[in-house]
C-alpha atoms as a PDB file:
ATOM      1  CA  SER A   1     125.264  74.893 108.894  1.00  0.00           C
ATOM      2  CA  THR A   2     123.028  77.343 107.031  1.00  0.00           C
ATOM      3  CA  ALA A   3     124.048  79.113 103.836  1.00  0.00           C
ATOM      4  CA  SER A   4     123.446  82.546 105.375  1.00  0.00           C
ATOM      5  CA  LYS A   5     126.249  81.965 107.897  1.00  0.00           C
ATOM      6  CA  ALA A   6     128.662  82.802 105.070  1.00  0.00           C
ATOM      7  CA  TYR A   7     127.527  86.408 105.688  1.00  0.00           C
ATOM      8  CA  THR A   8     126.431  86.407 109.335  1.00  0.00           C
ATOM      9  CA  ALA A   9     129.536  84.530 110.573  1.00  0.00           C
ATOM     10  CA  PRO A  10     132.084  85.026 107.774  1.00  0.00           C
ATOM     11  CA  SER A  11     135.157  82.832 107.491  1.00  0.00           C
ATOM     12  CA  SER A  12     138.752  83.957 107.625  1.00  0.00           C
ATOM     13  CA  PRO A  13     140.218  84.364 105.079  1.00  0.00           C
ATOM     14  CA  PRO A  14     137.110  85.694 103.285  1.00  0.00           C
ATOM     15  CA  ASP A  15     135.246  83.255 101.045  1.00  0.00           C
ATOM     16  CA  PRO A  16     135.288  84.238  97.336  1.00  0.00           C
ATOM     17  CA  ALA A  17     131.592  83.285  97.223  1.00  0.00           C
ATOM     18  CA  THR A  18     130.830  86.286  99.466  1.00  0.00           C
ATOM     19  CA  GLN A  19     133.326  88.701  97.889  1.00  0.00           C
ATOM     20  CA  THR A  20     133.013  88.302  94.110  1.00  0.00           C
ATOM     21  CA  THR A  21     130.324  88.670  91.461  1.00  0.00           C
ATOM     22  CA  PRO A  22     130.198  86.645  88.225  1.00  0.00           C
ATOM     23  CA  GLU A  23     130.748  87.808  84.672  1.00  0.00           C
ATOM     24  CA  LEU A  24     127.253  87.888  83.219  1.00  0.00           C
ATOM     25  CA  ASN A  25     125.680  88.882  79.938  1.00  0.00           C
ATOM     26  CA  PRO A  26     123.468  92.020  80.099  1.00  0.00           C
ATOM     27  CA  LYS A  27     120.234  90.017  80.383  1.00  0.00           C
ATOM     28  CA  GLN A  28     121.536  87.903  83.266  1.00  0.00           C
ATOM     29  CA  ARG A  29     122.980  90.965  85.023  1.00  0.00           C
ATOM     30  CA  ALA A  30     119.582  92.655  84.804  1.00  0.00           C
ATOM     31  CA  GLN A  31     117.917  89.493  86.175  1.00  0.00           C
ATOM     32  CA  LEU A  32     120.388  89.276  89.067  1.00  0.00           C
ATOM     33  CA  ASP A  33     119.958  92.956  89.903  1.00  0.00           C
ATOM     34  CA  ALA A  34     116.169  92.609  89.867  1.00  0.00           C
ATOM     35  CA  ALA A  35     116.296  89.476  92.043  1.00  0.00           C
ATOM     36  CA  ILE A  36     118.466  91.037  94.732  1.00  0.00           C
ATOM     37  CA  ARG A  37     116.606  94.358  94.603  1.00  0.00           C
ATOM     38  CA  VAL A  38     113.183  92.770  95.101  1.00  0.00           C
ATOM     39  CA  ASP A  39     114.377  90.340  97.784  1.00  0.00           C
ATOM     40  CA  GLN A  40     115.998  93.169  99.722  1.00  0.00           C
ATOM     41  CA  ALA A  41     112.823  95.280  99.452  1.00  0.00           C
ATOM     42  CA  GLY A  42     110.735  92.307 100.575  1.00  0.00           C
ATOM     43  CA  GLU A  43     112.838  91.871 103.690  1.00  0.00           C
ATOM     44  CA  VAL A  44     112.541  95.610 104.437  1.00  0.00           C
ATOM     45  CA  ALA A  45     108.745  95.321 104.210  1.00  0.00           C
ATOM     46  CA  ALA A  46     108.706  92.141 106.315  1.00  0.00           C
ATOM     47  CA  ASN A  47     110.690  93.829 109.085  1.00  0.00           C
ATOM     48  CA  TRP A  48     108.263  96.728 109.168  1.00  0.00           C
ATOM     49  CA  ILE A  49     105.230  94.412 109.117  1.00  0.00           C
ATOM     50  CA  TYR A  50     106.529  92.785 112.291  1.00  0.00           C
ATOM     51  CA  ALA A  51     107.334  96.218 113.751  1.00  0.00           C
ATOM     52  CA  GLY A  52     103.696  97.181 113.169  1.00  0.00           C
ATOM     53  CA  GLN A  53     102.399  93.949 114.684  1.00  0.00           C
ATOM     54  CA  MET A  54     104.661  94.310 117.712  1.00  0.00           C
ATOM     55  CA  ALA A  55     103.547  97.926 118.225  1.00  0.00           C
ATOM     56  CA  VAL A  56      99.964  96.711 118.589  1.00  0.00           C
ATOM     57  CA  LEU A  57     100.282  93.175 119.999  1.00  0.00           C
ATOM     58  CA  GLY A  58     103.683  93.243 121.690  1.00  0.00           C
ATOM     59  CA  HIS A  59     102.099  93.704 125.131  1.00  0.00           C
ATOM     60  CA  ARG A  60     100.546  90.228 124.932  1.00  0.00           C
ATOM     61  CA  ARG A  61     102.710  87.657 126.674  1.00  0.00           C
ATOM     62  CA  ASP A  62     101.270  84.855 124.561  1.00  0.00           C
ATOM     63  CA  LEU A  63     102.231  86.577 121.294  1.00  0.00           C
ATOM     64  CA  ARG A  64     105.342  88.656 121.951  1.00  0.00           C
ATOM     65  CA  PRO A  65     107.886  85.755 121.893  1.00  0.00           C
ATOM     66  CA  LEU A  66     106.297  84.299 118.747  1.00  0.00           C
ATOM     67  CA  LEU A  67     106.343  87.616 116.881  1.00  0.00           C
ATOM     68  CA  GLN A  68     109.847  88.431 118.113  1.00  0.00           C
ATOM     69  CA  ASP A  69     111.189  85.079 116.918  1.00  0.00           C
ATOM     70  CA  MET A  70     109.810  85.587 113.407  1.00  0.00           C
ATOM     71  CA  TRP A  71     110.971  89.215 113.383  1.00  0.00           C
ATOM     72  CA  ASP A  72     114.494  88.196 114.402  1.00  0.00           C
ATOM     73  CA  GLN A  73     114.648  85.846 111.417  1.00  0.00           C
ATOM     74  CA  GLU A  74     113.545  88.667 109.116  1.00  0.00           C
ATOM     75  CA  LYS A  75     116.246  90.944 110.583  1.00  0.00           C
ATOM     76  CA  LYS A  76     118.834  88.295 109.706  1.00  0.00           C
ATOM     77  CA  HIS A  77     117.389  87.954 106.203  1.00  0.00           C
ATOM     78  CA  LEU A  78     117.653  91.718 105.670  1.00  0.00           C
ATOM     79  CA  SER A  79     121.271  91.873 106.857  1.00  0.00           C
ATOM     80  CA  VAL A  80     122.183  89.118 104.377  1.00  0.00           C
ATOM     81  CA  MET A  81     120.305  90.827 101.538  1.00  0.00           C
ATOM     82  CA  ASN A  82     122.118  94.082 102.323  1.00  0.00           C
ATOM     83  CA  ALA A  83     125.438  92.233 102.048  1.00  0.00           C
ATOM     84  CA  LEU A  84     124.384  90.652  98.740  1.00  0.00           C
ATOM     85  CA  GLN A  85     123.322  94.041  97.388  1.00  0.00           C
ATOM     86  CA  THR A  86     126.784  95.452  98.165  1.00  0.00           C
ATOM     87  CA  GLN A  87     128.635  92.386  96.867  1.00  0.00           C
ATOM     88  CA  HIS A  88     126.860  92.325  93.511  1.00  0.00           C
ATOM     89  CA  ARG A  89     126.746  96.137  93.183  1.00  0.00           C
ATOM     90  CA  THR A  90     122.974  96.180  92.810  1.00  0.00           C
ATOM     91  CA  ARG A  91     121.044  99.439  93.001  1.00  0.00           C
ATOM     92  CA  PRO A  92     118.451  99.224  95.772  1.00  0.00           C
ATOM     93  CA  THR A  93     114.850 100.066  94.973  1.00  0.00           C
ATOM     94  CA  ILE A  94     113.820 103.708  95.240  1.00  0.00           C
ATOM     95  CA  LEU A  95     110.627 102.344  96.835  1.00  0.00           C
ATOM     96  CA  TRP A  96     112.481 101.532 100.084  1.00  0.00           C
ATOM     97  CA  PRO A  97     110.563 104.208 102.098  1.00  0.00           C
ATOM     98  CA  VAL A  98     107.289 102.943 100.607  1.00  0.00           C
ATOM     99  CA  ALA A  99     108.158  99.386 101.676  1.00  0.00           C
ATOM    100  CA  GLN A 100     108.815 100.634 105.207  1.00  0.00           C
ATOM    101  CA  GLY A 101     105.622 102.660 105.476  1.00  0.00           C
ATOM    102  CA  ALA A 102     103.347 100.157 103.767  1.00  0.00           C
ATOM    103  CA  GLY A 103     104.830  97.292 105.788  1.00  0.00           C
ATOM    104  CA  PHE A 104     104.253  99.053 109.109  1.00  0.00           C
ATOM    105  CA  LEU A 105     100.710 100.068 108.173  1.00  0.00           C
ATOM    106  CA  LEU A 106      99.830  96.560 107.023  1.00  0.00           C
ATOM    107  CA  GLY A 107     101.267  94.984 110.163  1.00  0.00           C
ATOM    108  CA  ALA A 108      99.603  97.459 112.528  1.00  0.00           C
ATOM    109  CA  ALA A 109      96.245  97.552 110.728  1.00  0.00           C
ATOM    110  CA  THR A 110      95.828  93.789 110.657  1.00  0.00           C
ATOM    111  CA  ALA A 111      97.003  93.528 114.287  1.00  0.00           C
ATOM    112  CA  LEU A 112      94.336  96.066 115.295  1.00  0.00           C
ATOM    113  CA  LEU A 113      91.764  93.639 113.885  1.00  0.00           C
ATOM    114  CA  GLY A 114      93.072  91.024 116.314  1.00  0.00           C
ATOM    115  CA  LYS A 115      95.562  88.169 116.607  1.00  0.00           C
ATOM    116  CA  GLU A 116      93.811  86.089 113.927  1.00  0.00           C
ATOM    117  CA  ALA A 117      93.974  88.877 111.338  1.00  0.00           C
ATOM    118  CA  ALA A 118      97.655  89.500 112.141  1.00  0.00           C
ATOM    119  CA  MET A 119      98.336  85.808 111.561  1.00  0.00           C
ATOM    120  CA  ALA A 120      96.260  85.884 108.354  1.00  0.00           C
ATOM    121  CA  CYS A 121      98.486  88.736 107.168  1.00  0.00           C
ATOM    122  CA  THR A 122     101.584  86.625 107.832  1.00  0.00           C
ATOM    123  CA  GLU A 123      99.998  83.641 106.090  1.00  0.00           C
ATOM    124  CA  ALA A 124      99.156  85.675 102.967  1.00  0.00           C
ATOM    125  CA  VAL A 125     102.515  87.442 102.759  1.00  0.00           C
ATOM    126  CA  GLU A 126     104.535  84.275 103.278  1.00  0.00           C
ATOM    127  CA  THR A 127     102.477  82.377 100.708  1.00  0.00           C
ATOM    128  CA  ALA A 128     103.290  85.034  98.099  1.00  0.00           C
ATOM    129  CA  ILE A 129     106.968  85.171  99.105  1.00  0.00           C
ATOM    130  CA  GLY A 130     107.319  81.378  99.029  1.00  0.00           C
ATOM    131  CA  GLU A 131     105.970  81.319  95.460  1.00  0.00           C
ATOM    132  CA  HIS A 132     108.263  84.212  94.509  1.00  0.00           C
ATOM    133  CA  TYR A 133     111.340  82.411  95.841  1.00  0.00           C
ATOM    134  CA  ASP A 134     110.367  79.232  93.953  1.00  0.00           C
ATOM    135  CA  ASP A 135     110.139  81.240  90.716  1.00  0.00           C
ATOM    136  CA  GLN A 136     113.468  82.864  91.464  1.00  0.00           C
ATOM    137  CA  LEU A 137     115.194  79.514  91.988  1.00  0.00           C
ATOM    138  CA  LYS A 138     114.110  78.421  88.506  1.00  0.00           C
ATOM    139  CA  GLU A 139     115.618  81.600  87.054  1.00  0.00           C
ATOM    140  CA  LEU A 140     118.872  81.291  89.034  1.00  0.00           C
ATOM    141  CA  ALA A 141     119.309  77.688  87.881  1.00  0.00           C
ATOM    142  CA  GLU A 142     120.200  79.078  84.439  1.00  0.00           C
ATOM    143  CA  PHE A 143     123.069  81.213  85.764  1.00  0.00           C
ATOM    144  CA  PRO A 144     126.773  80.336  85.358  1.00  0.00           C
ATOM    145  CA  ASP A 145     128.463  77.942  87.760  1.00  0.00           C
ATOM    146  CA  HIS A 146     130.103  80.598  89.946  1.00  0.00           C
ATOM    147  CA  PRO A 147     130.682  80.246  93.727  1.00  0.00           C
ATOM    148  CA  SER A 148     128.564  83.312  94.481  1.00  0.00           C
ATOM    149  CA  MET A 149     125.639  81.968  92.444  1.00  0.00           C
ATOM    150  CA  LYS A 150     125.666  78.601  94.184  1.00  0.00           C
ATOM    151  CA  LEU A 151     125.675  80.405  97.532  1.00  0.00           C
ATOM    152  CA  LEU A 152     122.844  82.722  96.425  1.00  0.00           C
ATOM    153  CA  ARG A 153     120.698  79.756  95.365  1.00  0.00           C
ATOM    154  CA  ASN A 154     121.302  78.082  98.741  1.00  0.00           C
ATOM    155  CA  ILE A 155     120.369  81.275 100.564  1.00  0.00           C
ATOM    156  CA  VAL A 156     117.140  81.587  98.574  1.00  0.00           C
ATOM    157  CA  VAL A 157     116.283  77.984  99.524  1.00  0.00           C
ATOM    158  CA  GLU A 158     117.044  78.706 103.196  1.00  0.00           C
ATOM    159  CA  PHE A 159     114.998  81.915 103.252  1.00  0.00           C
ATOM    160  CA  ARG A 160     112.096  80.320 101.377  1.00  0.00           C
ATOM    161  CA  ASP A 161     111.991  77.539 103.948  1.00  0.00           C
ATOM    162  CA  ASP A 162     112.069  80.083 106.791  1.00  0.00           C
ATOM    163  CA  GLU A 163     109.156  81.972 105.237  1.00  0.00           C
ATOM    164  CA  LEU A 164     107.134  78.772 104.781  1.00  0.00           C
ATOM    165  CA  GLU A 165     107.816  77.955 108.436  1.00  0.00           C
ATOM    166  CA  HIS A 166     106.331  81.352 109.337  1.00  0.00           C
ATOM    167  CA  LEU A 167     103.315  80.467 107.173  1.00  0.00           C
ATOM    168  CA  ASP A 168     102.822  77.198 109.066  1.00  0.00           C
ATOM    169  CA  THR A 169     103.204  79.019 112.391  1.00  0.00           C
ATOM    170  CA  ALA A 170     100.551  81.550 111.361  1.00  0.00           C
ATOM    171  CA  VAL A 171      98.107  78.788 110.409  1.00  0.00           C
ATOM    172  CA  GLU A 172      98.778  76.996 113.707  1.00  0.00           C
ATOM    173  CA  HIS A 173      97.925  80.249 115.507  1.00  0.00           C
ATOM    174  CA  ASP A 174      94.460  80.661 114.006  1.00  0.00           C
ATOM    175  CA  ALA A 175      95.150  82.639 110.815  1.00  0.00           C
ATOM    176  CA  GLN A 176      92.235  80.936 109.114  1.00  0.00           C
ATOM    177  CA  ARG A 177      89.824  82.045 111.831  1.00  0.00           C
ATOM    178  CA  ALA A 178      90.312  85.699 110.892  1.00  0.00           C
ATOM    179  CA  PRO A 179      87.207  87.652 109.888  1.00  0.00           C
ATOM    180  CA  ALA A 180      86.835  87.594 106.081  1.00  0.00           C
ATOM    181  CA  HIS A 181      89.939  85.372 105.922  1.00  0.00           C
ATOM    182  CA  ALA A 182      89.664  84.576 102.212  1.00  0.00           C
ATOM    183  CA  LEU A 183      89.117  88.227 101.240  1.00  0.00           C
ATOM    184  CA  LEU A 184      91.940  89.437 103.489  1.00  0.00           C
ATOM    185  CA  GLY A 185      94.329  86.809 102.164  1.00  0.00           C
ATOM    186  CA  THR A 186      93.468  87.501  98.522  1.00  0.00           C
ATOM    187  CA  ALA A 187      93.871  91.273  98.923  1.00  0.00           C
ATOM    188  CA  ILE A 188      97.214  91.031 100.741  1.00  0.00           C
ATOM    189  CA  GLY A 189      98.528  88.387  98.338  1.00  0.00           C
ATOM    190  CA  ALA A 190      97.609  90.509  95.326  1.00  0.00           C
ATOM    191  CA  GLY A 191      99.296  93.526  96.905  1.00  0.00           C
ATOM    192  CA  CYS A 192     102.469  91.503  97.467  1.00  0.00           C
ATOM    193  CA  LYS A 193     102.571  90.423  93.819  1.00  0.00           C
ATOM    194  CA  VAL A 194     102.197  94.017  92.610  1.00  0.00           C
ATOM    195  CA  ALA A 195     104.937  95.133  95.007  1.00  0.00           C
ATOM    196  CA  ILE A 196     107.275  92.380  93.755  1.00  0.00           C
ATOM    197  CA  GLU A 197     106.864  93.472  90.137  1.00  0.00           C
ATOM    198  CA  LEU A 198     107.338  97.156  90.981  1.00  0.00           C
ATOM    199  CA  CYS A 199     110.481  96.576  93.034  1.00  0.00           C
ATOM    200  CA  LYS A 200     112.040  94.461  90.267  1.00  0.00           C
ATOM    201  CA  ARG A 201     111.812  97.446  87.962  1.00  0.00           C
ATOM    202  CA  ILE A 202     112.162 100.559  90.106  1.00  0.00           C
END
């Protein structure tokens, strides 16, 4: 059973881990708000990246099921992050429309360069997100022993592992054969890191 099922298939009666938020000092509350805000924004962007890729490559029978499977996972991630944002009363980023637009453009633009570039985009994004989730787990380890925090840590582990699975899938489907692979990966990875820092704050 995955941690996210606490939100996607909730128990009856409701689990306190999905309904309550811990008492935190101001620094920890700011850290929790930033963590949920940036994760939610990241899932928004990921959904729109796949929307862009599907708009360009969705007609290909060899790619459509693969892209749809990864996109479906990102849709689940976003629904869970939306629930966490409500539960912990976190203000979403004001950059939400930017995440949508930039995500779609990135997905469509790399897909227009071909399957390999689309997969290189996925590889670069998921590499950055995997590192981000690892950093976040270290931060969350310092939080109080509250049911909602244990569940949040388990969800971050689950989502990180999903993203790394997408990374492996992208590599298996020729990401590293993309034209200017190293340059493309470096540019997208750097953009992801800037976006993460902005969404933590804004």
